[in-house]
């Protein structure tokens, strides 16, 4: 049921600063379908979202909730969506209190709360 991994980068894409997908791979900014540790700064809208345009940076990478995750208080990712605590890859307005380390970082574990969302 998974989407096939893309076979091509977005044609003629650059990050707006002279670097294309091949440069992201060559410079080691992206490896194995994501940003190299410490190189996350090279992504997001400021750099034309390489994670949405370069296979090496994770273009069309399937994203899933962390298996068996709970917030330590009996709520899983589905509950965060159902209760409206998280919507559209982030916390609903006024519901930010449901995140962070106190609640086992749903923003790092639940897609609906922003897991793998470009920064």
N, C-alpha and C. Protein backbone atom coordinates (compact mmCIF):
# COMPACT_ATOMS: atom_id res chain seq x y z
N UNK A 1 0.82 -1.19 0.00
CA UNK A 1 0.00 0.00 0.00
C UNK A 1 0.86 1.25 0.00
N UNK A 2 2.14 1.12 -0.09
CA UNK A 2 3.01 2.29 -0.05
C UNK A 2 3.20 2.90 -1.42
N UNK A 3 3.49 4.17 -1.41
CA UNK A 3 3.79 4.87 -2.64
C UNK A 3 5.19 4.49 -3.09
N UNK A 4 5.37 4.25 -4.37
CA UNK A 4 6.71 3.90 -4.84
C UNK A 4 7.65 5.07 -4.63
N UNK A 5 8.88 4.74 -4.30
CA UNK A 5 9.89 5.76 -4.10
C UNK A 5 10.13 6.49 -5.41
N UNK A 6 10.20 7.83 -5.37
CA UNK A 6 10.41 8.57 -6.61
C UNK A 6 11.76 8.23 -7.21
N UNK A 7 11.83 8.34 -8.50
CA UNK A 7 13.08 8.02 -9.17
C UNK A 7 13.79 9.26 -9.68
N UNK A 8 13.17 10.42 -9.49
CA UNK A 8 13.79 11.62 -10.05
C UNK A 8 13.58 12.82 -9.14
N UNK A 9 14.59 13.69 -9.14
CA UNK A 9 14.47 14.96 -8.46
C UNK A 9 13.57 15.88 -9.28
N UNK A 10 13.08 16.93 -8.68
CA UNK A 10 12.30 17.92 -9.40
C UNK A 10 13.21 18.57 -10.44
N UNK A 11 12.81 18.55 -11.71
CA UNK A 11 13.68 19.11 -12.76
C UNK A 11 14.02 20.58 -12.52
N UNK A 12 15.28 20.91 -12.72
CA UNK A 12 15.80 22.28 -12.64
C UNK A 12 15.66 22.94 -11.27
N UNK A 13 15.44 22.16 -10.22
CA UNK A 13 15.29 22.72 -8.88
C UNK A 13 16.63 23.23 -8.36
N UNK A 14 16.62 24.38 -7.68
CA UNK A 14 17.76 24.85 -6.88
C UNK A 14 17.21 25.39 -5.57
N UNK A 15 18.10 25.55 -4.62
CA UNK A 15 17.69 26.04 -3.31
C UNK A 15 17.61 27.57 -3.24
N UNK A 16 17.79 28.23 -4.37
CA UNK A 16 17.75 29.69 -4.38
C UNK A 16 19.09 30.32 -4.05
N UNK A 17 20.08 29.48 -3.76
CA UNK A 17 21.42 29.95 -3.41
C UNK A 17 22.48 29.24 -4.25
N UNK A 18 22.05 28.71 -5.40
CA UNK A 18 22.99 28.11 -6.34
C UNK A 18 23.26 26.63 -6.16
N UNK A 19 22.53 25.96 -5.29
CA UNK A 19 22.79 24.54 -5.07
C UNK A 19 21.59 23.71 -5.51
N UNK A 20 21.86 22.63 -6.28
CA UNK A 20 20.81 21.72 -6.73
C UNK A 20 20.85 20.44 -5.91
N UNK A 21 20.01 19.48 -6.28
CA UNK A 21 19.93 18.22 -5.53
C UNK A 21 21.26 17.47 -5.52
N UNK A 22 21.97 17.49 -6.65
CA UNK A 22 23.27 16.81 -6.71
C UNK A 22 24.24 17.44 -5.70
N UNK A 23 24.18 18.75 -5.55
CA UNK A 23 25.05 19.43 -4.58
C UNK A 23 24.70 19.03 -3.15
N UNK A 24 23.41 18.88 -2.86
CA UNK A 24 23.01 18.45 -1.52
C UNK A 24 23.59 17.08 -1.18
N UNK A 25 23.61 16.20 -2.18
CA UNK A 25 24.20 14.88 -1.96
C UNK A 25 25.72 14.98 -1.84
N UNK A 26 26.35 15.71 -2.75
CA UNK A 26 27.81 15.82 -2.78
C UNK A 26 28.36 16.47 -1.51
N UNK A 27 27.67 17.50 -1.03
CA UNK A 27 28.13 18.20 0.18
C UNK A 27 27.77 17.45 1.47
N UNK A 28 26.97 16.38 1.32
CA UNK A 28 26.60 15.60 2.50
C UNK A 28 25.52 16.25 3.34
N UNK A 29 24.81 17.23 2.78
CA UNK A 29 23.73 17.87 3.53
C UNK A 29 22.56 16.91 3.69
N UNK A 30 22.36 16.05 2.68
CA UNK A 30 21.30 15.05 2.73
C UNK A 30 21.89 13.67 2.46
N UNK A 31 21.41 12.70 3.23
CA UNK A 31 21.80 11.30 3.06
C UNK A 31 20.61 10.42 3.42
N UNK A 32 20.48 9.30 2.75
CA UNK A 32 19.46 8.31 3.11
C UNK A 32 18.06 8.89 3.28
N UNK A 33 17.63 9.69 2.32
CA UNK A 33 16.27 10.24 2.32
C UNK A 33 16.00 11.24 3.44
N UNK A 34 17.01 11.94 3.88
CA UNK A 34 16.78 12.97 4.91
C UNK A 34 18.01 13.83 5.08
N UNK A 35 17.90 14.80 5.96
CA UNK A 35 19.04 15.68 6.22
C UNK A 35 20.05 14.96 7.11
N UNK A 36 21.32 15.16 6.81
CA UNK A 36 22.38 14.61 7.67
C UNK A 36 22.28 15.30 9.03
N UNK A 37 22.67 14.59 10.06
CA UNK A 37 22.62 15.16 11.40
C UNK A 37 23.38 16.48 11.44
N UNK A 38 22.73 17.51 11.95
CA UNK A 38 23.34 18.83 12.04
C UNK A 38 23.19 19.68 10.79
N UNK A 39 22.63 19.09 9.73
CA UNK A 39 22.49 19.82 8.47
C UNK A 39 21.04 20.20 8.17
N UNK A 40 20.17 20.07 9.15
CA UNK A 40 18.75 20.39 8.95
C UNK A 40 18.54 21.84 8.55
N UNK A 41 19.49 22.69 8.89
CA UNK A 41 19.40 24.11 8.54
C UNK A 41 19.36 24.33 7.03
N UNK A 42 19.79 23.35 6.25
CA UNK A 42 19.82 23.50 4.79
C UNK A 42 18.47 23.22 4.15
N UNK A 43 17.44 22.96 4.96
CA UNK A 43 16.12 22.63 4.43
C UNK A 43 15.07 23.68 4.74
N UNK A 44 13.84 23.31 4.50
CA UNK A 44 12.71 24.19 4.75
C UNK A 44 12.51 25.23 3.67
N UNK A 45 11.54 26.08 3.89
CA UNK A 45 11.16 27.06 2.87
C UNK A 45 12.26 28.08 2.60
N UNK A 46 13.10 28.36 3.60
CA UNK A 46 14.20 29.31 3.38
C UNK A 46 15.12 28.85 2.25
N UNK A 47 15.23 27.53 2.07
CA UNK A 47 16.09 26.97 1.03
C UNK A 47 15.28 26.19 -0.01
N UNK A 48 14.06 26.66 -0.27
CA UNK A 48 13.24 26.11 -1.35
C UNK A 48 12.85 24.65 -1.13
N UNK A 49 12.80 24.22 0.11
CA UNK A 49 12.32 22.89 0.49
C UNK A 49 12.95 21.73 -0.28
N UNK A 50 14.25 21.51 -0.10
CA UNK A 50 14.89 20.38 -0.77
C UNK A 50 14.26 19.04 -0.38
N UNK A 51 13.69 18.95 0.83
CA UNK A 51 13.04 17.71 1.27
C UNK A 51 11.80 17.37 0.43
N UNK A 52 11.29 18.35 -0.30
CA UNK A 52 10.14 18.10 -1.19
C UNK A 52 10.56 18.00 -2.65
N UNK A 53 11.85 18.22 -2.95
CA UNK A 53 12.32 18.28 -4.33
C UNK A 53 13.45 17.33 -4.67
N UNK A 54 14.19 16.87 -3.67
CA UNK A 54 15.36 16.02 -3.90
C UNK A 54 15.15 14.65 -3.24
N UNK A 55 15.32 13.60 -4.02
CA UNK A 55 15.15 12.25 -3.50
C UNK A 55 16.08 12.01 -2.32
N UNK A 56 17.33 12.45 -2.43
CA UNK A 56 18.31 12.22 -1.37
C UNK A 56 17.92 12.91 -0.06
N UNK A 57 17.08 13.95 -0.16
CA UNK A 57 16.63 14.69 1.03
C UNK A 57 15.28 14.22 1.55
N UNK A 58 14.66 13.26 0.85
CA UNK A 58 13.42 12.70 1.34
C UNK A 58 12.19 13.00 0.52
N UNK A 59 12.36 13.41 -0.72
CA UNK A 59 11.20 13.69 -1.58
C UNK A 59 10.26 12.49 -1.56
N UNK A 60 9.01 12.74 -1.21
CA UNK A 60 7.96 11.71 -1.16
C UNK A 60 8.28 10.55 -0.21
N UNK A 61 9.14 10.81 0.77
CA UNK A 61 9.47 9.80 1.76
C UNK A 61 8.20 9.47 2.56
N UNK A 62 7.88 8.20 2.66
CA UNK A 62 6.70 7.87 3.45
C UNK A 62 6.93 8.22 4.92
N UNK A 63 5.93 8.79 5.52
CA UNK A 63 6.02 9.18 6.92
C UNK A 63 4.95 8.43 7.71
N UNK A 64 5.31 7.98 8.87
CA UNK A 64 4.36 7.25 9.71
C UNK A 64 4.59 7.63 11.17
N UNK A 65 3.55 7.45 11.97
CA UNK A 65 3.68 7.68 13.40
C UNK A 65 4.68 6.67 13.98
N UNK A 66 5.32 7.05 15.07
CA UNK A 66 6.21 6.14 15.78
C UNK A 66 5.36 5.00 16.35
N UNK A 67 5.70 3.74 16.01
CA UNK A 67 4.89 2.62 16.49
C UNK A 67 4.79 2.58 18.01
N UNK A 68 3.58 2.32 18.51
CA UNK A 68 3.28 2.14 19.93
C UNK A 68 3.58 3.36 20.81
N UNK A 69 3.70 4.54 20.21
CA UNK A 69 3.97 5.74 20.99
C UNK A 69 2.74 6.15 21.80
N UNK A 70 2.97 6.59 23.03
CA UNK A 70 1.95 7.27 23.82
C UNK A 70 2.60 8.45 24.51
N UNK A 71 1.76 9.34 24.99
CA UNK A 71 2.29 10.55 25.63
C UNK A 71 2.60 10.34 27.11
N UNK A 72 2.49 9.10 27.59
CA UNK A 72 2.76 8.81 28.99
C UNK A 72 1.53 9.00 29.87
N UNK A 73 0.43 9.43 29.26
CA UNK A 73 -0.81 9.66 30.00
C UNK A 73 -1.98 8.96 29.31
N UNK A 74 -1.66 7.92 28.51
CA UNK A 74 -2.69 7.11 27.90
C UNK A 74 -3.20 7.56 26.54
N UNK A 75 -2.57 8.56 25.95
CA UNK A 75 -3.03 9.06 24.65
C UNK A 75 -1.99 8.79 23.57
N UNK A 76 -2.45 8.23 22.44
CA UNK A 76 -1.58 7.95 21.31
C UNK A 76 -1.80 9.00 20.21
N UNK A 77 -1.15 8.82 19.08
CA UNK A 77 -1.26 9.80 17.99
C UNK A 77 -2.69 9.94 17.49
N UNK A 78 -3.41 8.83 17.41
CA UNK A 78 -4.81 8.89 16.96
C UNK A 78 -5.65 9.75 17.92
N UNK A 79 -5.37 9.64 19.21
CA UNK A 79 -6.09 10.45 20.19
C UNK A 79 -5.78 11.94 20.03
N UNK A 80 -4.53 12.26 19.71
CA UNK A 80 -4.16 13.66 19.49
C UNK A 80 -4.95 14.24 18.33
N UNK A 81 -5.16 13.43 17.30
CA UNK A 81 -5.96 13.89 16.16
C UNK A 81 -7.44 13.98 16.54
N UNK A 82 -7.96 12.95 17.18
CA UNK A 82 -9.38 12.89 17.53
C UNK A 82 -9.77 14.01 18.49
N UNK A 83 -8.93 14.29 19.46
CA UNK A 83 -9.23 15.34 20.43
C UNK A 83 -8.98 16.74 19.88
N UNK A 84 -8.36 16.81 18.68
CA UNK A 84 -8.11 18.11 18.09
C UNK A 84 -6.91 18.83 18.67
N UNK A 85 -6.07 18.09 19.40
CA UNK A 85 -4.88 18.71 19.96
C UNK A 85 -3.87 19.04 18.86
N UNK A 86 -3.85 18.21 17.82
CA UNK A 86 -2.97 18.44 16.68
C UNK A 86 -3.79 18.42 15.40
N UNK A 87 -3.47 19.33 14.49
CA UNK A 87 -4.10 19.40 13.18
C UNK A 87 -3.08 19.91 12.17
N UNK A 88 -3.17 19.41 10.95
CA UNK A 88 -2.32 19.93 9.86
C UNK A 88 -0.84 20.04 10.21
N UNK A 89 -0.28 18.98 10.75
CA UNK A 89 1.15 18.92 11.05
C UNK A 89 1.62 19.87 12.14
N UNK A 90 0.77 20.14 13.09
CA UNK A 90 1.18 21.00 14.21
C UNK A 90 0.12 21.01 15.30
N UNK A 91 0.41 21.71 16.38
CA UNK A 91 -0.55 21.81 17.47
C UNK A 91 -1.65 22.79 17.09
N UNK A 92 -2.89 22.45 17.46
CA UNK A 92 -4.00 23.37 17.26
C UNK A 92 -3.75 24.59 18.16
N UNK A 93 -4.25 25.73 17.72
CA UNK A 93 -4.06 26.97 18.50
C UNK A 93 -4.56 26.76 19.92
N UNK A 94 -3.72 27.09 20.88
CA UNK A 94 -4.06 26.95 22.29
C UNK A 94 -3.81 25.56 22.86
N UNK A 95 -3.39 24.61 22.02
CA UNK A 95 -3.17 23.24 22.48
C UNK A 95 -1.68 22.88 22.56
N UNK A 96 -0.83 23.86 22.45
CA UNK A 96 0.62 23.61 22.50
C UNK A 96 1.04 22.97 23.82
N UNK A 97 0.24 23.16 24.86
CA UNK A 97 0.55 22.57 26.16
C UNK A 97 0.59 21.05 26.11
N UNK A 98 -0.03 20.44 25.09
CA UNK A 98 -0.06 18.98 24.98
C UNK A 98 1.23 18.40 24.40
N UNK A 99 2.21 19.24 24.11
CA UNK A 99 3.45 18.79 23.50
C UNK A 99 4.65 18.90 24.41
N UNK A 100 5.80 18.75 23.82
CA UNK A 100 7.06 18.86 24.55
C UNK A 100 7.41 17.59 25.32
N UNK A 101 8.52 17.67 26.02
CA UNK A 101 9.04 16.49 26.71
C UNK A 101 8.12 16.00 27.82
N UNK A 102 7.34 16.90 28.43
CA UNK A 102 6.41 16.49 29.49
C UNK A 102 5.43 15.45 28.97
N UNK A 103 5.11 15.52 27.68
CA UNK A 103 4.16 14.60 27.07
C UNK A 103 4.84 13.75 25.98
N UNK A 104 6.08 13.41 26.18
CA UNK A 104 6.84 12.52 25.29
C UNK A 104 6.93 13.02 23.84
N UNK A 105 6.92 14.32 23.66
CA UNK A 105 7.16 14.97 22.37
C UNK A 105 6.32 14.42 21.21
N UNK A 106 5.01 14.62 21.25
CA UNK A 106 4.19 14.17 20.13
C UNK A 106 4.60 14.80 18.81
N UNK A 107 5.16 15.99 18.86
CA UNK A 107 5.60 16.67 17.63
C UNK A 107 6.75 15.93 16.95
N UNK A 108 7.41 15.03 17.66
CA UNK A 108 8.48 14.22 17.07
C UNK A 108 8.04 12.79 16.79
N UNK A 109 6.80 12.46 17.15
CA UNK A 109 6.33 11.07 17.04
C UNK A 109 5.04 10.88 16.25
N UNK A 110 4.25 11.94 16.09
CA UNK A 110 2.96 11.85 15.41
C UNK A 110 2.95 12.75 14.18
N UNK A 111 2.60 12.18 13.05
CA UNK A 111 2.55 12.96 11.81
C UNK A 111 1.60 14.14 11.96
N UNK A 112 0.43 13.93 12.54
CA UNK A 112 -0.55 15.00 12.69
C UNK A 112 -0.03 16.16 13.53
N UNK A 113 0.96 15.88 14.38
CA UNK A 113 1.54 16.92 15.25
C UNK A 113 2.82 17.53 14.66
N UNK A 114 3.25 17.04 13.52
CA UNK A 114 4.41 17.64 12.87
C UNK A 114 5.62 16.76 12.69
N UNK A 115 5.51 15.46 13.00
CA UNK A 115 6.66 14.57 12.79
C UNK A 115 7.14 14.69 11.34
N UNK A 116 8.42 14.88 11.19
CA UNK A 116 9.08 14.98 9.88
C UNK A 116 8.65 16.20 9.06
N UNK A 117 8.01 17.16 9.71
CA UNK A 117 7.63 18.38 9.01
C UNK A 117 8.88 19.22 8.79
N UNK A 118 9.08 19.72 7.56
CA UNK A 118 10.24 20.57 7.32
C UNK A 118 10.19 21.82 8.20
N UNK A 119 11.34 22.22 8.67
CA UNK A 119 11.36 23.41 9.52
C UNK A 119 11.79 24.63 8.74
